Amino acid sequence: MYYLLVRGKKWEINPKKWEIIMTGLIGEYNRTIDAKGRMSVPSKFVNVLGESFVISKGLDGCLVIYTDDEWEEFSGKLKSLPSTDMASRKLKRFFGAGASRVEIDAHGRILVPAPLIEHAGLKKDVTIVGTADGRAEIWDTDRWNDVSGDTSPEDAAQNLFERGIMI
């Protein structure tokens, strides 16, 4: 297998078919976060994210990991909101102040800033969940176990159908 690194994303090149297949942010990984806020990043994620990436407050009591492209797109949407609108200013502050660029150290770890740890209520055990859309989420494992059981396969199928997604 051959690999091509473009804008921090690792692409697999299949020489037999000459196809480029992106290795995405998918899967569920259990990790621990130490007292200093250090957490190891799944090696499959490092291949996609590169040496640094953005972590931000999430909407459901988690943190969101963004690829550079996803953060650029999201922050562009925030930038387009009118500064004369109070709700827009609050959104910009929530995500702007609640975001941080982190770097992967030589041991494959990142340092999660204390305000983000507090926002997500992260304790020792954390779960990193790929969302298959250029982002991933970091959850306190107990909280993840509570929310991840909310959707049955039947509910997921109905939800996809209602959104016009057929698999």
Foldseek 3Di string as FASTA:
>chain_A
DDWDADLQFIWDADVVVRDTDGQAQADKDKWWADPQQKIADPPSVCNGQPFKWKWFQDDPLWIKTARPVRVVVVVVVLVPDDPVDPVSVVVCCRGVVGMDMWGQDPVRMTRDDPVNCVSNVADTMWMWGGPRPRMIIIHRVVVCVVPVPPADPVNVVVVCVVVVHDD
